[in-house]
Amino acid sequence: MGRDAATEITITAGGSEGIFDAITATITAGDEVIVLDPSYDLYAPVVALAGGWTIRVPLDPTSFGIDWDRVAAAITPRTRLVIVNSPHNPTGAMWSPADVARLASLAEAHDLLVISDEVYEHIVFDGRSHVSALSHPGLAARSFVISSFGKSFHCTGWRLGAVVAPPALTRELRKVHQYNTFGAFAPAHWAAATMLREHTDHLVALGAFYQAKRDRFVDGLARTRFRPLPVSGAYFQLVDYGAISDAPDDEFARQLCLEHGVAAIPLSPFYDVPPAGQRLLRLCFAKTDATLDAALARLEGV
């Protein structure tokens, strides 16, 4: 279904600005916002800035799937908003059509708004398809859907994103956008428009482009003591280092960087309360093959 650019699509200075605008446009003091842990670290601070309360619902610690019964139990009369993210940062997990349908049912039953962070929507693997909140009419009618030209066109530093929302929500979003950044820089608009118009095959091929990097990286990890977890989308690889060390993830990540020259992100900062004994790091495979191979050679020595 097409969208009216004048009333339903807002170009923002990156997906992060879109998330900020959507939260601050809808949350007032005392409102509750459900966030699924682990989660992108922007969500909770913006909720707090808007005067709201973040209610954390943990994902399954192994599959990172959503327990919708726990989500339902977390809803109170003060719940205003649910924030979801697929493909998921930091885990690479993806939600299914059944997940979308269940969220739509809860949102409609409790009159909730939704922010669906879909910035990695074109980076999916193994023949899977991204399922957008826009695919469900009932959910699309109450959702802000966040996209990122930076993620899709390899130019994250240009800070260009988009928010798709129904006209009533778009009007509220733009009240914040107007006095936040006002607009992203014009040359990026022209460049993104040219890509969309003249390189229509780029987005179709993007999943295969990154899947080749994921597969190269995972194959190389087989030569190390790190255990890779399944990744369905985005460009991050979780690895379990439990066979190497019992150190907390922040400590081990620092050691890995200083002693072996490989930068990784600990998973614990993506949680309010991380699972006890979890030994996971996030590595990024959005790199050249030469960089991936160099990293793997160093990881073999850990």
Protein backbone atom coordinates (compact mmCIF):
# COMPACT_ATOMS: atom_id res chain seq x y z
CA MET A 1 0.00 0.00 0.00
CA GLY A 2 1.37 3.39 -0.98
CA ARG A 3 1.92 6.18 1.52
CA ASP A 4 1.30 9.89 1.08
CA ALA A 5 4.66 11.62 1.47
CA ALA A 6 2.99 14.89 2.41
CA THR A 7 1.05 13.50 5.36
CA GLU A 8 2.57 10.11 6.30
CA ILE A 9 6.35 10.17 5.67
CA THR A 10 8.81 12.37 7.54
CA ILE A 11 12.51 12.48 6.66
CA THR A 12 14.65 12.74 9.79
CA ALA A 13 18.31 13.20 10.69
CA GLY A 14 18.81 9.46 11.05
CA GLY A 15 16.54 6.78 12.44
CA SER A 16 17.57 7.84 15.93
CA GLU A 17 16.02 11.26 15.49
CA GLY A 18 12.84 9.59 14.29
CA ILE A 19 12.73 7.46 17.44
CA PHE A 20 13.39 10.50 19.62
CA ASP A 21 10.65 12.50 17.92
CA ALA A 22 8.11 9.67 18.15
CA ILE A 23 8.72 9.09 21.86
CA THR A 24 8.68 12.73 22.86
CA ALA A 25 5.61 13.42 20.72
CA THR A 26 3.54 10.80 22.51
CA ILE A 27 4.86 10.41 26.08
CA THR A 28 4.05 12.67 29.01
CA ALA A 29 4.92 12.49 32.70
CA GLY A 30 3.92 9.19 34.27
CA ASP A 31 3.27 7.28 31.05
CA GLU A 32 4.72 3.78 30.81
CA VAL A 33 6.59 2.44 27.79
CA ILE A 34 7.23 -1.27 27.29
CA VAL A 35 10.69 -2.07 25.95
CA LEU A 36 11.96 -5.58 25.15
CA ASP A 37 15.37 -6.35 26.68
CA PRO A 38 18.02 -6.43 25.36
CA SER A 39 17.28 -3.28 23.39
CA TYR A 40 18.93 -0.45 21.52
CA ASP A 41 20.25 1.88 24.18
CA LEU A 42 18.50 5.01 22.88
CA TYR A 43 14.98 4.02 23.91
CA ALA A 44 15.02 4.22 27.71
CA PRO A 45 16.91 7.54 28.05
CA VAL A 46 14.46 9.29 25.72
CA VAL A 47 11.51 7.86 27.64
CA ALA A 48 13.06 9.23 30.84
CA LEU A 49 13.68 12.61 29.21
CA ALA A 50 9.99 12.76 28.26
CA GLY A 51 9.01 12.01 31.88
CA GLY A 52 7.90 8.44 31.25
CA TRP A 53 8.78 5.11 32.82
CA THR A 54 10.43 2.27 30.93
CA ILE A 55 8.94 -1.15 31.70
CA ARG A 56 11.41 -3.86 30.68
CA VAL A 57 10.17 -7.22 29.40
CA PRO A 58 13.02 -9.67 28.78
CA LEU A 59 13.32 -11.61 25.57
CA ASP A 60 14.07 -15.33 25.73
CA PRO A 61 17.75 -15.49 26.83
CA THR A 62 18.55 -18.19 24.27
CA SER A 63 16.46 -17.51 21.15
CA PHE A 64 15.70 -13.84 21.89
CA GLY A 65 12.10 -14.51 20.94
CA ILE A 66 9.22 -12.48 22.40
CA ASP A 67 7.10 -13.91 25.23
CA TRP A 68 3.81 -12.17 24.47
CA ASP A 69 2.20 -13.42 27.67
CA ARG A 70 4.86 -11.51 29.62
CA VAL A 71 4.26 -8.45 27.46
CA ALA A 72 0.52 -8.68 28.13
CA ALA A 73 1.14 -9.01 31.86
CA ALA A 74 3.27 -5.84 31.81
CA ILE A 75 0.47 -3.68 30.41
CA THR A 76 -1.22 -1.38 32.94
CA PRO A 77 -3.69 1.51 32.63
CA ARG A 78 -0.62 3.79 32.41
CA THR A 79 0.91 1.97 29.43
CA ARG A 80 1.02 4.30 26.44
CA LEU A 81 3.60 2.88 24.06
CA VAL A 82 5.37 -0.35 23.06
CA ILE A 83 8.74 -0.23 21.30
CA VAL A 84 9.76 -3.20 19.14
CA ASN A 85 12.73 -3.76 16.84
CA SER A 86 13.15 -6.24 13.97
CA PRO A 87 15.66 -7.22 12.69
CA HIS A 88 16.88 -6.85 16.21
CA ASN A 89 19.85 -4.91 17.50
CA PRO A 90 21.88 -6.33 19.23
CA THR A 91 20.92 -10.00 18.63
CA GLY A 92 20.00 -10.30 14.94
CA ALA A 93 16.70 -12.02 15.80
CA MET A 94 13.56 -11.31 13.74
CA TRP A 95 9.88 -11.39 14.52
CA SER A 96 7.29 -13.38 12.58
CA PRO A 97 3.82 -12.63 11.16
CA ALA A 98 2.43 -14.25 14.32
CA ASP A 99 4.39 -11.75 16.44
CA VAL A 100 2.96 -8.86 14.43
CA ALA A 101 -0.56 -10.20 14.81
CA ARG A 102 -0.18 -10.65 18.57
CA LEU A 103 1.20 -7.14 19.02
CA ALA A 104 -1.65 -5.74 16.94
CA SER A 105 -4.17 -7.57 19.12
CA LEU A 106 -2.66 -6.20 22.34
CA ALA A 107 -2.30 -2.68 20.97
CA GLU A 108 -5.90 -2.58 19.80
CA ALA A 109 -7.27 -4.09 23.01
CA HIS A 110 -5.42 -1.60 25.23
CA ASP A 111 -5.35 1.41 22.87
CA LEU A 112 -1.55 1.47 22.72
CA LEU A 113 0.77 3.23 20.32
CA VAL A 114 3.75 1.39 18.80
CA ILE A 115 7.20 2.38 17.63
CA SER A 116 8.51 -0.28 15.25
CA ASP A 117 12.23 0.20 14.74
CA GLU A 118 12.88 -1.39 11.34
CA VAL A 119 16.17 0.24 10.35
CA TYR A 120 17.68 -3.12 9.29
CA GLU A 121 14.60 -4.10 7.26
CA HIS A 122 16.54 -4.87 4.06
CA ILE A 123 19.32 -6.87 5.76
CA VAL A 124 17.76 -10.31 6.21
CA PHE A 125 19.22 -13.76 5.55
CA ASP A 126 18.53 -17.37 4.61
CA GLY A 127 15.51 -16.66 2.43
CA ARG A 128 13.58 -14.96 5.22
CA SER A 129 11.39 -11.93 4.65
CA HIS A 130 11.12 -8.88 6.84
CA VAL A 131 7.66 -8.50 8.41
CA SER A 132 6.82 -4.85 8.93
CA ALA A 133 4.29 -3.35 11.30
CA LEU A 134 2.90 -1.77 8.14
CA SER A 135 1.86 -5.23 6.92
CA HIS A 136 -0.98 -5.36 9.48
CA PRO A 137 -3.64 -2.66 8.91
CA GLY A 138 -4.67 -2.51 12.55
CA LEU A 139 -1.07 -2.11 13.68
CA ALA A 140 -0.12 0.33 10.92
CA ALA A 141 -2.94 2.60 12.08
CA ARG A 142 -1.27 3.14 15.47
CA SER A 143 2.43 2.81 14.66
CA PHE A 144 5.48 4.91 13.92
CA VAL A 145 7.70 2.80 11.63
CA ILE A 146 11.35 3.84 11.62
CA SER A 147 13.59 3.31 8.57
CA SER A 148 17.18 4.25 7.83
CA PHE A 149 18.72 5.27 4.51
CA GLY A 150 22.09 5.12 6.26
CA LYS A 151 21.75 1.42 7.08
CA SER A 152 20.31 0.56 3.66
CA PHE A 153 22.81 2.54 1.55
CA HIS A 154 26.07 2.13 3.55
CA CYS A 155 26.18 5.77 4.68
CA THR A 156 25.29 5.77 8.37
CA GLY A 157 27.32 8.92 9.00
CA TRP A 158 25.05 10.92 6.69
CA ARG A 159 22.25 10.66 9.28
CA LEU A 160 19.20 10.19 7.08
CA GLY A 161 16.15 8.26 8.22
CA ALA A 162 12.40 8.21 7.74
CA VAL A 163 9.29 7.77 9.86
CA VAL A 164 6.11 6.34 8.37
CA ALA A 165 2.97 6.97 10.42
CA PRO A 166 -0.71 7.74 9.81
CA PRO A 167 -1.54 11.44 9.33
CA ALA A 168 -2.68 12.11 12.92
CA LEU A 169 0.52 10.65 14.38
CA THR A 170 2.67 12.32 11.73
CA ARG A 171 1.28 15.71 12.69
CA GLU A 172 2.32 15.15 16.32
CA LEU A 173 5.75 13.83 15.30
CA ARG A 174 6.41 16.88 13.14
CA LYS A 175 5.70 19.23 16.03
CA VAL A 176 8.82 17.80 17.66
CA HIS A 177 10.80 17.39 14.43
CA GLN A 178 10.22 21.06 13.55
CA TYR A 179 12.03 22.26 16.68
CA ASN A 180 14.53 19.42 16.98
CA THR A 181 16.61 19.25 13.80
CA PHE A 182 14.14 20.90 11.40
CA GLY A 183 15.65 18.85 8.59
CA ALA A 184 18.54 16.65 7.52
CA PHE A 185 21.11 18.16 5.16
CA ALA A 186 19.81 18.56 1.61
CA PRO A 187 22.53 16.75 -0.40
CA ALA A 188 21.69 13.50 1.42
CA HIS A 189 18.06 13.87 0.32
CA TRP A 190 19.08 14.17 -3.30
CA ALA A 191 21.51 11.25 -3.05
CA ALA A 192 18.93 8.95 -1.45
CA ALA A 193 16.31 9.93 -4.03
CA THR A 194 18.76 9.13 -6.82
CA MET A 195 19.53 5.72 -5.32
CA LEU A 196 15.85 4.86 -4.97
CA ARG A 197 15.10 6.00 -8.51
CA GLU A 198 18.13 4.73 -10.44
CA HIS A 199 19.41 1.73 -8.46
CA THR A 200 16.28 -0.25 -7.71
CA ASP A 201 18.24 -3.52 -7.50
CA HIS A 202 20.38 -2.35 -4.56
CA LEU A 203 17.88 -3.08 -1.79
CA VAL A 204 16.97 -6.44 -3.35
CA ALA A 205 20.61 -7.54 -3.25
CA LEU A 206 21.46 -6.11 0.16
CA GLY A 207 20.57 -9.22 2.17
CA ALA A 208 22.79 -11.45 0.01
CA PHE A 209 25.63 -8.90 0.25
CA TYR A 210 25.65 -9.06 4.05
CA GLN A 211 24.84 -12.77 4.24
CA ALA A 212 28.09 -13.50 2.40
CA LYS A 213 29.94 -11.52 5.07
CA ARG A 214 28.05 -13.26 7.87
CA ASP A 215 28.84 -16.68 6.42
CA ARG A 216 32.51 -15.83 5.92
CA PHE A 217 32.73 -14.63 9.51
CA VAL A 218 30.83 -17.58 11.01
CA ASP A 219 32.92 -20.07 9.02
CA GLY A 220 36.07 -18.44 10.37
CA LEU A 221 34.77 -18.49 13.94
CA ALA A 222 34.70 -22.29 13.71
CA ARG A 223 38.49 -22.09 14.00
CA THR A 224 38.21 -20.23 17.31
CA ARG A 225 36.84 -20.96 20.78
CA PHE A 226 34.04 -18.42 20.31
CA ARG A 227 30.61 -19.94 19.68
CA PRO A 228 28.48 -17.94 17.22
CA LEU A 229 24.73 -17.67 17.83
CA PRO A 230 22.21 -17.76 14.95
CA VAL A 231 21.71 -14.44 13.15
CA SER A 232 18.66 -13.87 10.94
CA GLY A 233 19.10 -10.17 10.13
CA ALA A 234 21.12 -6.97 10.66
CA TYR A 235 24.93 -7.05 10.57
CA PHE A 236 25.88 -8.10 14.09
CA GLN A 237 27.15 -11.48 15.26
CA LEU A 238 26.70 -12.55 18.87
CA VAL A 239 29.39 -14.87 20.18
CA ASP A 240 29.50 -16.84 23.40
CA TYR A 241 32.95 -16.70 25.00
CA GLY A 242 32.08 -18.97 27.94
CA ALA A 243 34.61 -21.57 26.82
CA ILE A 244 37.36 -18.96 27.10
CA SER A 245 36.65 -16.92 30.21
CA ASP A 246 34.28 -16.42 33.14
CA ALA A 247 34.98 -12.68 33.19
CA PRO A 248 32.02 -10.27 32.91
CA ASP A 249 31.37 -9.15 29.35
CA ASP A 250 32.58 -5.56 29.80
CA GLU A 251 35.83 -6.79 31.32
CA PHE A 252 36.36 -9.42 28.63
CA ALA A 253 35.58 -6.94 25.82
CA ARG A 254 38.21 -4.56 27.20
CA GLN A 255 40.72 -7.40 27.41
CA LEU A 256 39.94 -8.49 23.84
CA CYS A 257 40.55 -4.98 22.56
CA LEU A 258 43.72 -4.20 24.52
CA GLU A 259 45.42 -7.59 24.29
CA HIS A 260 44.25 -8.85 20.87
CA GLY A 261 43.25 -5.73 18.92
CA VAL A 262 39.64 -6.76 18.27
CA ALA A 263 36.86 -4.37 19.28
CA ALA A 264 33.60 -5.90 20.51
CA ILE A 265 30.54 -4.62 22.33
CA PRO A 266 29.47 -6.28 25.61
CA LEU A 267 25.79 -7.26 25.65
CA SER A 268 25.07 -6.17 29.23
CA PRO A 269 24.63 -2.43 28.42
CA PHE A 270 21.64 -3.37 26.26
CA TYR A 271 19.83 -4.65 29.37
CA ASP A 272 18.52 -3.09 32.54
CA VAL A 273 19.42 -6.31 34.39
CA PRO A 274 21.40 -8.78 32.22
CA PRO A 275 20.85 -12.52 32.76
CA ALA A 276 23.15 -13.97 35.39
CA GLY A 277 26.15 -15.73 33.93
CA GLN A 278 25.57 -14.54 30.38
CA ARG A 279 28.86 -14.46 28.46
CA LEU A 280 28.04 -12.79 25.13
CA LEU A 281 29.70 -10.16 22.96
CA ARG A 282 28.43 -8.39 19.83
CA LEU A 283 30.78 -8.27 16.85
CA CYS A 284 30.03 -6.34 13.65
CA PHE A 285 30.60 -7.99 10.26
CA ALA A 286 29.82 -4.88 8.17
CA LYS A 287 33.50 -4.78 7.23
CA THR A 288 35.69 -5.51 4.23
CA ASP A 289 36.73 -9.13 3.76
CA ALA A 290 40.30 -8.18 4.60
CA THR A 291 39.22 -6.68 7.92
CA LEU A 292 37.08 -9.73 8.74
CA ASP A 293 39.95 -12.08 7.95
CA ALA A 294 42.37 -10.05 10.06
CA ALA A 295 39.95 -10.10 12.99
CA LEU A 296 39.44 -13.85 12.66
CA ALA A 297 43.20 -14.45 12.65
CA ARG A 298 43.45 -12.53 15.93
CA LEU A 299 40.44 -14.30 17.45
CA GLU A 300 42.09 -17.67 16.70
CA GLY A 301 44.78 -16.67 19.17
CA VAL A 302 42.39 -15.96 22.05
